[in-house]
């Protein structure tokens, strides 16, 4: 994990999307397009990530890093 953090620091264009049970961690996104209790849309440089589910809550948010809690039902990538 330390190597991944160092790689992201040295190359901020890379991103990570990590899924675990009822959690999603994302870093180095461009902007948060939309957040509701059951839908999240995140804009990256080359694609948009849409996440459907329920009970989404922001657990942690710092510069270009975000951690959501909630039940994830589906994800969709839309390439620009």
PDB file of N, CA and C in Angstrom:
ATOM      1  N   UNK A   1       0.824  -1.189   0.000  1.00  0.00           N
ATOM      2  CA  UNK A   1       0.000   0.000   0.000  1.00  0.00           C
ATOM      3  C   UNK A   1       0.872   1.258   0.000  1.00  0.00           C
ATOM      4  N   UNK A   2       1.966   1.251   0.707  1.00  0.00           N
ATOM      5  CA  UNK A   2       2.864   2.399   0.735  1.00  0.00           C
ATOM      6  C   UNK A   2       3.420   2.688  -0.652  1.00  0.00           C
ATOM      7  N   UNK A   3       3.716   1.640  -1.413  1.00  0.00           N
ATOM      8  CA  UNK A   3       4.219   1.823  -2.782  1.00  0.00           C
ATOM      9  C   UNK A   3       3.157   2.482  -3.645  1.00  0.00           C
ATOM     10  N   UNK A   4       1.892   2.081  -3.498  1.00  0.00           N
ATOM     11  CA  UNK A   4       0.806   2.702  -4.256  1.00  0.00           C
ATOM     12  C   UNK A   4       0.669   4.176  -3.917  1.00  0.00           C
ATOM     13  N   UNK A   5       0.775   4.521  -2.652  1.00  0.00           N
ATOM     14  CA  UNK A   5       0.682   5.928  -2.250  1.00  0.00           C
ATOM     15  C   UNK A   5       1.836   6.743  -2.827  1.00  0.00           C
ATOM     16  N   UNK A   6       3.031   6.182  -2.815  1.00  0.00           N
ATOM     17  CA  UNK A   6       4.185   6.857  -3.389  1.00  0.00           C
ATOM     18  C   UNK A   6       4.016   7.029  -4.890  1.00  0.00           C
ATOM     19  N   UNK A   7       3.525   5.999  -5.564  1.00  0.00           N
ATOM     20  CA  UNK A   7       3.289   6.066  -7.011  1.00  0.00           C
ATOM     21  C   UNK A   7       2.267   7.156  -7.332  1.00  0.00           C
ATOM     22  N   UNK A   8       1.206   7.254  -6.549  1.00  0.00           N
ATOM     23  CA  UNK A   8       0.201   8.289  -6.785  1.00  0.00           C
ATOM     24  C   UNK A   8       0.743   9.684  -6.528  1.00  0.00           C
ATOM     25  N   UNK A   9       1.628   9.801  -5.558  1.00  0.00           N
ATOM     26  CA  UNK A   9       2.238  11.094  -5.280  1.00  0.00           C
ATOM     27  C   UNK A   9       3.137  11.522  -6.439  1.00  0.00           C
ATOM     28  N   UNK A  10       3.908  10.586  -6.981  1.00  0.00           N
ATOM     29  CA  UNK A  10       4.827  10.893  -8.065  1.00  0.00           C
ATOM     30  C   UNK A  10       4.120  11.054  -9.401  1.00  0.00           C
ATOM     31  N   UNK A  11       3.030  10.346  -9.598  1.00  0.00           N
ATOM     32  CA  UNK A  11       2.280  10.389 -10.841  1.00  0.00           C
ATOM     33  C   UNK A  11       0.809  10.670 -10.532  1.00  0.00           C
ATOM     34  N   UNK A  12       0.440  11.940 -10.358  1.00  0.00           N
ATOM     35  CA  UNK A  12      -0.927  12.257  -9.952  1.00  0.00           C
ATOM     36  C   UNK A  12      -1.981  11.952 -11.011  1.00  0.00           C
ATOM     37  N   UNK A  13      -1.583  11.601 -12.232  1.00  0.00           N
ATOM     38  CA  UNK A  13      -2.560  11.260 -13.263  1.00  0.00           C
ATOM     39  C   UNK A  13      -3.146   9.869 -13.053  1.00  0.00           C
ATOM     40  N   UNK A  14      -2.460   9.023 -12.301  1.00  0.00           N
ATOM     41  CA  UNK A  14      -3.010   7.704 -12.043  1.00  0.00           C
ATOM     42  C   UNK A  14      -4.102   7.810 -10.987  1.00  0.00           C
ATOM     43  N   UNK A  15      -4.972   6.846 -10.944  1.00  0.00           N
ATOM     44  CA  UNK A  15      -6.071   6.848  -9.986  1.00  0.00           C
ATOM     45  C   UNK A  15      -6.255   5.441  -9.443  1.00  0.00           C
ATOM     46  N   UNK A  16      -6.959   5.363  -8.340  1.00  0.00           N
ATOM     47  CA  UNK A  16      -7.304   4.083  -7.739  1.00  0.00           C
ATOM     48  C   UNK A  16      -8.782   4.066  -7.428  1.00  0.00           C
ATOM     49  N   UNK A  17      -9.397   2.923  -7.655  1.00  0.00           N
ATOM     50  CA  UNK A  17     -10.768   2.679  -7.248  1.00  0.00           C
ATOM     51  C   UNK A  17     -10.733   1.348  -6.508  1.00  0.00           C
ATOM     52  N   UNK A  18     -10.923   1.393  -5.205  1.00  0.00           N
ATOM     53  CA  UNK A  18     -10.859   0.190  -4.382  1.00  0.00           C
ATOM     54  C   UNK A  18     -12.241  -0.110  -3.800  1.00  0.00           C
ATOM     55  N   UNK A  19     -12.699  -1.325  -4.039  1.00  0.00           N
ATOM     56  CA  UNK A  19     -13.991  -1.775  -3.528  1.00  0.00           C
ATOM     57  C   UNK A  19     -13.793  -2.777  -2.412  1.00  0.00           C
ATOM     58  N   UNK A  20     -14.597  -2.665  -1.397  1.00  0.00           N
ATOM     59  CA  UNK A  20     -14.688  -3.687  -0.364  1.00  0.00           C
ATOM     60  C   UNK A  20     -16.159  -3.757   0.044  1.00  0.00           C
ATOM     61  N   UNK A  21     -16.475  -4.632   0.941  1.00  0.00           N
ATOM     62  CA  UNK A  21     -17.877  -4.783   1.335  1.00  0.00           C
ATOM     63  C   UNK A  21     -18.423  -3.450   1.857  1.00  0.00           C
ATOM     64  N   UNK A  22     -19.367  -2.906   1.152  1.00  0.00           N
ATOM     65  CA  UNK A  22     -20.058  -1.660   1.510  1.00  0.00           C
ATOM     66  C   UNK A  22     -19.151  -0.442   1.609  1.00  0.00           C
ATOM     67  N   UNK A  23     -17.991  -0.456   0.934  1.00  0.00           N
ATOM     68  CA  UNK A  23     -17.096   0.698   0.888  1.00  0.00           C
ATOM     69  C   UNK A  23     -16.519   0.854  -0.509  1.00  0.00           C
ATOM     70  N   UNK A  24     -16.292   2.094  -0.893  1.00  0.00           N
ATOM     71  CA  UNK A  24     -15.572   2.376  -2.124  1.00  0.00           C
ATOM     72  C   UNK A  24     -14.640   3.561  -1.865  1.00  0.00           C
ATOM     73  N   UNK A  25     -13.359   3.359  -2.164  1.00  0.00           N
ATOM     74  CA  UNK A  25     -12.337   4.395  -1.994  1.00  0.00           C
ATOM     75  C   UNK A  25     -11.859   4.803  -3.386  1.00  0.00           C
ATOM     76  N   UNK A  26     -11.813   6.109  -3.630  1.00  0.00           N
ATOM     77  CA  UNK A  26     -11.413   6.629  -4.940  1.00  0.00           C
ATOM     78  C   UNK A  26     -10.429   7.767  -4.707  1.00  0.00           C
ATOM     79  N   UNK A  27      -9.352   7.781  -5.508  1.00  0.00           N
ATOM     80  CA  UNK A  27      -8.446   8.932  -5.433  1.00  0.00           C
ATOM     81  C   UNK A  27      -8.056   9.397  -6.826  1.00  0.00           C
ATOM     82  N   UNK A  28      -7.640  10.649  -6.876  1.00  0.00           N
ATOM     83  CA  UNK A  28      -7.211  11.332  -8.103  1.00  0.00           C
ATOM     84  C   UNK A  28      -8.312  11.460  -9.148  1.00  0.00           C
ATOM     85  N   UNK A  29      -9.520  11.731  -8.697  1.00  0.00           N
ATOM     86  CA  UNK A  29     -10.623  12.002  -9.618  1.00  0.00           C
ATOM     87  C   UNK A  29     -10.577  13.471 -10.026  1.00  0.00           C
ATOM     88  N   UNK A  30     -11.303  13.809 -11.094  1.00  0.00           N
ATOM     89  CA  UNK A  30     -11.340  15.195 -11.564  1.00  0.00           C
ATOM     90  C   UNK A  30     -12.351  16.015 -10.762  1.00  0.00           C
ATOM     91  N   UNK A  31     -13.608  15.531 -10.696  1.00  0.00           N
ATOM     92  CA  UNK A  31     -14.626  16.222  -9.901  1.00  0.00           C
ATOM     93  C   UNK A  31     -15.761  15.269  -9.568  1.00  0.00           C
ATOM     94  N   UNK A  32     -16.478  15.592  -8.508  1.00  0.00           N
ATOM     95  CA  UNK A  32     -17.683  14.861  -8.138  1.00  0.00           C
ATOM     96  C   UNK A  32     -18.839  15.499  -8.892  1.00  0.00           C
ATOM     97  N   UNK A  33     -19.442  14.749  -9.782  1.00  0.00           N
ATOM     98  CA  UNK A  33     -20.512  15.302 -10.601  1.00  0.00           C
ATOM     99  C   UNK A  33     -21.849  15.311  -9.863  1.00  0.00           C
ATOM    100  N   UNK A  34     -22.160  14.203  -9.160  1.00  0.00           N
ATOM    101  CA  UNK A  34     -23.436  14.114  -8.453  1.00  0.00           C
ATOM    102  C   UNK A  34     -23.343  13.083  -7.332  1.00  0.00           C
ATOM    103  N   UNK A  35     -23.910  13.414  -6.189  1.00  0.00           N
ATOM    104  CA  UNK A  35     -23.962  12.487  -5.064  1.00  0.00           C
ATOM    105  C   UNK A  35     -25.359  12.556  -4.451  1.00  0.00           C
ATOM    106  N   UNK A  36     -26.021  11.400  -4.363  1.00  0.00           N
ATOM    107  CA  UNK A  36     -27.286  11.291  -3.645  1.00  0.00           C
ATOM    108  C   UNK A  36     -27.198  10.062  -2.750  1.00  0.00           C
ATOM    109  N   UNK A  37     -28.271   9.761  -2.058  1.00  0.00           N
ATOM    110  CA  UNK A  37     -28.292   8.574  -1.195  1.00  0.00           C
ATOM    111  C   UNK A  37     -28.134   7.273  -1.976  1.00  0.00           C
ATOM    112  N   UNK A  38     -28.517   7.285  -3.272  1.00  0.00           N
ATOM    113  CA  UNK A  38     -28.478   6.035  -4.037  1.00  0.00           C
ATOM    114  C   UNK A  38     -27.739   6.139  -5.374  1.00  0.00           C
ATOM    115  N   UNK A  39     -27.019   7.236  -5.588  1.00  0.00           N
ATOM    116  CA  UNK A  39     -26.318   7.410  -6.865  1.00  0.00           C
ATOM    117  C   UNK A  39     -25.101   8.300  -6.667  1.00  0.00           C
ATOM    118  N   UNK A  40     -23.989   7.889  -7.260  1.00  0.00           N
ATOM    119  CA  UNK A  40     -22.756   8.682  -7.231  1.00  0.00           C
ATOM    120  C   UNK A  40     -22.224   8.748  -8.659  1.00  0.00           C
ATOM    121  N   UNK A  41     -21.860   9.927  -9.114  1.00  0.00           N
ATOM    122  CA  UNK A  41     -21.254  10.103 -10.425  1.00  0.00           C
ATOM    123  C   UNK A  41     -19.953  10.881 -10.237  1.00  0.00           C
ATOM    124  N   UNK A  42     -18.849  10.281 -10.699  1.00  0.00           N
ATOM    125  CA  UNK A  42     -17.527  10.875 -10.513  1.00  0.00           C
ATOM    126  C   UNK A  42     -16.854  11.017 -11.866  1.00  0.00           C
ATOM    127  N   UNK A  43     -16.354  12.199 -12.140  1.00  0.00           N
ATOM    128  CA  UNK A  43     -15.719  12.523 -13.414  1.00  0.00           C
ATOM    129  C   UNK A  43     -14.202  12.360 -13.281  1.00  0.00           C
ATOM    130  N   UNK A  44     -13.626  11.518 -14.141  1.00  0.00           N
ATOM    131  CA  UNK A  44     -12.173  11.363 -14.251  1.00  0.00           C
ATOM    132  C   UNK A  44     -11.747  12.019 -15.560  1.00  0.00           C
ATOM    133  N   UNK A  45     -10.474  12.064 -15.839  1.00  0.00           N
ATOM    134  CA  UNK A  45     -10.002  12.715 -17.061  1.00  0.00           C
ATOM    135  C   UNK A  45     -10.526  12.053 -18.329  1.00  0.00           C
ATOM    136  N   UNK A  46     -10.595  10.720 -18.356  1.00  0.00           N
ATOM    137  CA  UNK A  46     -10.959  10.017 -19.592  1.00  0.00           C
ATOM    138  C   UNK A  46     -12.282   9.262 -19.522  1.00  0.00           C
ATOM    139  N   UNK A  47     -12.923   9.232 -18.367  1.00  0.00           N
ATOM    140  CA  UNK A  47     -14.194   8.524 -18.247  1.00  0.00           C
ATOM    141  C   UNK A  47     -14.994   9.059 -17.064  1.00  0.00           C
ATOM    142  N   UNK A  48     -16.257   8.662 -17.006  1.00  0.00           N
ATOM    143  CA  UNK A  48     -17.142   8.983 -15.891  1.00  0.00           C
ATOM    144  C   UNK A  48     -17.527   7.664 -15.235  1.00  0.00           C
ATOM    145  N   UNK A  49     -17.479   7.625 -13.918  1.00  0.00           N
ATOM    146  CA  UNK A  49     -17.858   6.444 -13.158  1.00  0.00           C
ATOM    147  C   UNK A  49     -19.191   6.720 -12.482  1.00  0.00           C
ATOM    148  N   UNK A  50     -20.205   5.903 -12.781  1.00  0.00           N
ATOM    149  CA  UNK A  50     -21.511   6.000 -12.150  1.00  0.00           C
ATOM    150  C   UNK A  50     -21.705   4.788 -11.253  1.00  0.00           C
ATOM    151  N   UNK A  51     -22.127   5.027 -10.020  1.00  0.00           N
ATOM    152  CA  UNK A  51     -22.313   3.965  -9.041  1.00  0.00           C
ATOM    153  C   UNK A  51     -23.748   4.031  -8.536  1.00  0.00           C
ATOM    154  N   UNK A  52     -24.449   2.911  -8.617  1.00  0.00           N
ATOM    155  CA  UNK A  52     -25.818   2.810  -8.112  1.00  0.00           C
ATOM    156  C   UNK A  52     -25.821   1.940  -6.869  1.00  0.00           C
ATOM    157  N   UNK A  53     -26.684   2.267  -5.926  1.00  0.00           N
ATOM    158  CA  UNK A  53     -26.784   1.490  -4.703  1.00  0.00           C
ATOM    159  C   UNK A  53     -27.751   2.143  -3.737  1.00  0.00           C
ATOM    160  N   UNK A  54     -27.441   2.056  -2.446  1.00  0.00           N
ATOM    161  CA  UNK A  54     -28.311   2.654  -1.439  1.00  0.00           C
ATOM    162  C   UNK A  54     -27.502   3.039  -0.207  1.00  0.00           C
ATOM    163  N   UNK A  55     -28.043   3.982   0.528  1.00  0.00           N
ATOM    164  CA  UNK A  55     -27.471   4.450   1.793  1.00  0.00           C
ATOM    165  C   UNK A  55     -26.033   4.972   1.658  1.00  0.00           C
ATOM    166  N   UNK A  56     -25.728   5.650   0.546  1.00  0.00           N
ATOM    167  CA  UNK A  56     -24.387   6.196   0.376  1.00  0.00           C
ATOM    168  C   UNK A  56     -24.155   7.367   1.329  1.00  0.00           C
ATOM    169  N   UNK A  57     -23.008   7.348   1.972  1.00  0.00           N
ATOM    170  CA  UNK A  57     -22.579   8.422   2.852  1.00  0.00           C
ATOM    171  C   UNK A  57     -21.083   8.632   2.649  1.00  0.00           C
ATOM    172  N   UNK A  58     -20.663   9.879   2.694  1.00  0.00           N
ATOM    173  CA  UNK A  58     -19.240  10.182   2.601  1.00  0.00           C
ATOM    174  C   UNK A  58     -18.630   9.957   3.976  1.00  0.00           C
ATOM    175  N   UNK A  59     -17.656   9.069   4.037  1.00  0.00           N
ATOM    176  CA  UNK A  59     -16.992   8.764   5.294  1.00  0.00           C
ATOM    177  C   UNK A  59     -15.747   9.621   5.479  1.00  0.00           C
ATOM    178  N   UNK A  60     -15.024   9.864   4.385  1.00  0.00           N
ATOM    179  CA  UNK A  60     -13.778  10.633   4.446  1.00  0.00           C
ATOM    180  C   UNK A  60     -13.617  11.360   3.123  1.00  0.00           C
ATOM    181  N   UNK A  61     -13.218  12.627   3.186  1.00  0.00           N
ATOM    182  CA  UNK A  61     -13.015  13.386   1.958  1.00  0.00           C
ATOM    183  C   UNK A  61     -11.881  14.377   2.183  1.00  0.00           C
ATOM    184  N   UNK A  62     -10.784  14.177   1.444  1.00  0.00           N
ATOM    185  CA  UNK A  62      -9.676  15.129   1.435  1.00  0.00           C
ATOM    186  C   UNK A  62      -9.325  15.384  -0.020  1.00  0.00           C
ATOM    187  N   UNK A  63      -8.346  16.182  -0.272  1.00  0.00           N
ATOM    188  CA  UNK A  63      -8.004  16.603  -1.631  1.00  0.00           C
ATOM    189  C   UNK A  63      -7.902  15.431  -2.604  1.00  0.00           C
ATOM    190  N   UNK A  64      -8.866  15.332  -3.502  1.00  0.00           N
ATOM    191  CA  UNK A  64      -8.933  14.321  -4.566  1.00  0.00           C
ATOM    192  C   UNK A  64      -8.965  12.880  -4.044  1.00  0.00           C
ATOM    193  N   UNK A  65      -9.356  12.691  -2.785  1.00  0.00           N
ATOM    194  CA  UNK A  65      -9.561  11.359  -2.223  1.00  0.00           C
ATOM    195  C   UNK A  65     -10.913  11.343  -1.530  1.00  0.00           C
ATOM    196  N   UNK A  66     -11.644  10.244  -1.719  1.00  0.00           N
ATOM    197  CA  UNK A  66     -12.958  10.143  -1.091  1.00  0.00           C
ATOM    198  C   UNK A  66     -13.250   8.686  -0.741  1.00  0.00           C
ATOM    199  N   UNK A  67     -13.893   8.496   0.391  1.00  0.00           N
ATOM    200  CA  UNK A  67     -14.311   7.177   0.845  1.00  0.00           C
ATOM    201  C   UNK A  67     -15.807   7.225   1.101  1.00  0.00           C
ATOM    202  N   UNK A  68     -16.545   6.347   0.402  1.00  0.00           N
ATOM    203  CA  UNK A  68     -17.989   6.243   0.572  1.00  0.00           C
ATOM    204  C   UNK A  68     -18.314   4.956   1.313  1.00  0.00           C
ATOM    205  N   UNK A  69     -19.347   5.014   2.130  1.00  0.00           N
ATOM    206  CA  UNK A  69     -19.948   3.824   2.723  1.00  0.00           C
ATOM    207  C   UNK A  69     -21.339   3.683   2.131  1.00  0.00           C
ATOM    208  N   UNK A  70     -21.809   2.463   1.983  1.00  0.00           N
ATOM    209  CA  UNK A  70     -23.149   2.199   1.475  1.00  0.00           C
ATOM    210  C   UNK A  70     -23.164   0.900   0.700  1.00  0.00           C
ATOM    211  N   UNK A  71     -24.354   0.492   0.321  1.00  0.00           N
ATOM    212  CA  UNK A  71     -24.534  -0.759  -0.415  1.00  0.00           C
ATOM    213  C   UNK A  71     -24.376  -0.496  -1.914  1.00  0.00           C
ATOM    214  N   UNK A  72     -23.384  -1.106  -2.536  1.00  0.00           N
ATOM    215  CA  UNK A  72     -23.096  -0.921  -3.958  1.00  0.00           C
ATOM    216  C   UNK A  72     -23.824  -2.002  -4.750  1.00  0.00           C
ATOM    217  N   UNK A  73     -24.679  -1.593  -5.685  1.00  0.00           N
ATOM    218  CA  UNK A  73     -25.421  -2.542  -6.513  1.00  0.00           C
ATOM    219  C   UNK A  73     -24.815  -2.689  -7.896  1.00  0.00           C
ATOM    220  N   UNK A  74     -24.369  -1.584  -8.496  1.00  0.00           N
ATOM    221  CA  UNK A  74     -23.780  -1.665  -9.831  1.00  0.00           C
ATOM    222  C   UNK A  74     -22.878  -0.459 -10.079  1.00  0.00           C
ATOM    223  N   UNK A  75     -21.970  -0.641 -11.026  1.00  0.00           N
ATOM    224  CA  UNK A  75     -21.059   0.428 -11.448  1.00  0.00           C
ATOM    225  C   UNK A  75     -21.026   0.447 -12.965  1.00  0.00           C
ATOM    226  N   UNK A  76     -20.847   1.647 -13.518  1.00  0.00           N
ATOM    227  CA  UNK A  76     -20.822   1.807 -14.977  1.00  0.00           C
ATOM    228  C   UNK A  76     -19.737   2.814 -15.347  1.00  0.00           C
ATOM    229  N   UNK A  77     -18.907   2.437 -16.329  1.00  0.00           N
ATOM    230  CA  UNK A  77     -17.898   3.349 -16.875  1.00  0.00           C
ATOM    231  C   UNK A  77     -18.396   3.908 -18.190  1.00  0.00           C
ATOM    232  N   UNK A  78     -18.362   5.208 -18.330  1.00  0.00           N
ATOM    233  CA  UNK A  78     -18.717   5.867 -19.582  1.00  0.00           C
ATOM    234  C   UNK A  78     -17.477   6.590 -20.098  1.00  0.00           C
ATOM    235  N   UNK A  79     -16.904   6.107 -21.184  1.00  0.00           N
ATOM    236  CA  UNK A  79     -15.700   6.706 -21.734  1.00  0.00           C
ATOM    237  C   UNK A  79     -16.040   7.968 -22.509  1.00  0.00           C
ATOM    238  N   UNK A  80     -15.202   8.973 -22.363  1.00  0.00           N
ATOM    239  CA  UNK A  80     -15.423  10.265 -23.040  1.00  0.00           C
ATOM    240  C   UNK A  80     -14.903  10.216 -24.445  1.00  0.00           C
TER     241      UNK A  80
END
